[in-house]
Amino acid sequence: MNYEVDDVIEFKNGSYLVLDIIKKDENVYLYLINNDEFKDDIAITKVSNNNGNVEYSFINNEEEFNYILNKLFLNFKDDIISLATNE
């Protein structure tokens, strides 16, 4: 399945907006935020294609999770610096 930033997907019984997509090896990871204006939960999820069925799962491997988290920080570093320096 192909994902784009700003896509809205159904995940965890809710509607989520895709903020970032990270690809590593043959895996796809999504950084999501709840699309409901009254909820503010976020998720980083691993997407697997299991015989044509898309499955979303948690990242159970600490090394894998740290890689994805670091990649997210790099992808959003300009926004983080701007927020930290009040620009």
Protein backbone atom coordinates (compact mmCIF):
# COMPACT_ATOMS: atom_id res chain seq x y z
CA MET A 1 0.00 0.00 0.00
CA ASN A 2 1.29 3.46 -0.86
CA TYR A 3 0.98 6.22 1.70
CA GLU A 4 1.42 9.96 1.28
CA VAL A 5 1.88 12.68 3.88
CA ASP A 6 -1.55 14.16 4.73
CA ASP A 7 -3.39 10.92 3.90
CA VAL A 8 -6.11 10.01 6.39
CA ILE A 9 -6.25 6.35 7.38
CA GLU A 10 -8.34 4.26 9.76
CA PHE A 11 -6.19 2.97 12.59
CA LYS A 12 -6.94 1.87 16.16
CA ASN A 13 -10.68 2.51 15.73
CA GLY A 14 -10.07 6.09 14.70
CA SER A 15 -9.14 8.35 11.86
CA TYR A 16 -5.47 9.37 11.71
CA LEU A 17 -3.53 11.88 9.62
CA VAL A 18 -0.17 10.71 8.23
CA LEU A 19 2.50 13.24 9.25
CA ASP A 20 5.57 11.37 8.03
CA ILE A 21 6.55 8.14 6.29
CA ILE A 22 9.80 6.35 6.97
CA LYS A 23 11.07 3.47 4.87
CA LYS A 24 13.83 1.19 6.11
CA ASP A 25 14.83 -1.97 4.30
CA GLU A 26 11.48 -3.40 3.16
CA ASN A 27 9.49 -1.91 6.04
CA VAL A 28 7.24 1.14 6.15
CA TYR A 29 6.60 3.14 9.32
CA LEU A 30 3.97 5.84 9.76
CA TYR A 31 3.99 8.78 12.14
CA LEU A 32 0.32 9.49 12.79
CA ILE A 33 -1.82 11.97 14.72
CA ASN A 34 -5.50 11.57 15.50
CA ASN A 35 -7.58 13.46 12.93
CA ASP A 36 -10.27 14.36 15.50
CA GLU A 37 -9.84 17.97 16.65
CA PHE A 38 -10.70 17.00 20.25
CA LYS A 39 -8.15 14.18 20.54
CA ASP A 40 -4.42 14.60 20.46
CA ASP A 41 -3.00 11.10 20.50
CA ILE A 42 -0.15 10.17 18.19
CA ALA A 43 1.29 6.87 17.04
CA ILE A 44 4.31 5.45 15.30
CA THR A 45 3.25 2.24 13.64
CA LYS A 46 4.82 -0.40 11.45
CA VAL A 47 2.90 -1.37 8.33
CA SER A 48 3.07 -4.96 7.12
CA ASN A 49 1.54 -6.51 4.05
CA ASN A 50 0.46 -10.03 4.99
CA ASN A 51 -0.79 -11.76 1.82
CA GLY A 52 -2.59 -8.65 0.64
CA ASN A 53 -3.93 -7.69 4.09
CA VAL A 54 -2.49 -4.51 5.55
CA GLU A 55 -1.60 -4.89 9.22
CA TYR A 56 -0.54 -2.17 11.63
CA SER A 57 1.64 -3.17 14.57
CA PHE A 58 3.75 -1.76 17.37
CA ILE A 59 7.51 -1.65 17.04
CA ASN A 60 8.71 -4.23 19.56
CA ASN A 61 12.44 -3.99 18.79
CA GLU A 62 14.20 -1.21 20.75
CA GLU A 63 16.92 -0.72 18.12
CA GLU A 64 14.33 -0.47 15.35
CA PHE A 65 12.22 1.99 17.40
CA ASN A 66 15.26 4.18 18.17
CA TYR A 67 16.17 4.31 14.47
CA ILE A 68 12.65 5.43 13.53
CA LEU A 69 12.50 8.00 16.34
CA ASN A 70 15.88 9.46 15.36
CA LYS A 71 14.79 9.61 11.72
CA LEU A 72 11.65 11.52 12.76
CA PHE A 73 13.76 14.04 14.67
CA LEU A 74 15.96 14.53 11.62
CA ASN A 75 12.96 14.94 9.33
CA PHE A 76 11.43 17.59 11.61
CA LYS A 77 14.66 19.21 12.89
CA ASP A 78 13.93 22.62 11.36
CA ASP A 79 10.49 22.71 13.01
CA ILE A 80 11.96 21.58 16.34
CA ILE A 81 14.71 24.23 16.23
CA SER A 82 12.19 26.91 15.29
CA LEU A 83 9.92 25.90 18.17
CA ALA A 84 12.83 25.80 20.65
CA THR A 85 14.12 29.24 19.63
CA ASN A 86 10.65 30.84 19.37
CA GLU A 87 11.15 31.80 15.72
